Amino acid sequence: MRRLWPIFVTHRRVMVVAVIGSVLAVLAQAANPLVQAHIIDHSIDGHRPILPLLLVMGGLFALRFAAGWVRRFFGGRISWEVDCDLRNAVYTHLQSSTSPATTSCRPVSSPHGPTRT
């Protein structure tokens, strides 16, 4: 993780959006049973209207859906961007390598005839 942290830091904004989406989804999930308990305890007897609480519950479901989508989308984007950065770092390292195994290679012959130097 120590070696990957510099790569993650370059994608800080995407990571923050994914974490915020995750936190919002968890909070909406946790608040839903509280609203259900309030509906059961206070609105079923008929003294308080149930429609506003049902709308709150529907809003929590919509918030959880939207926040979950944000978390999945930006989490996937983080993984894709970090994967591309790692591939580019490996490619750059291999291109700049000066080990004997990489510098003493002969040109590979082409199926169209010998290579020209």
Foldseek 3Di string as FASTA:
>chain_A
DVVLVVVLVVVVVLVVQLVVLVVQLVVLVVCLVVLVVCCVPPPPVPPDDCVVSVVVNVVSVVSNVVSVVSNVVSVVVSVVSSVVVVVVVVVVCLVPDDDCVPPVDDDDQDPVGGDDD
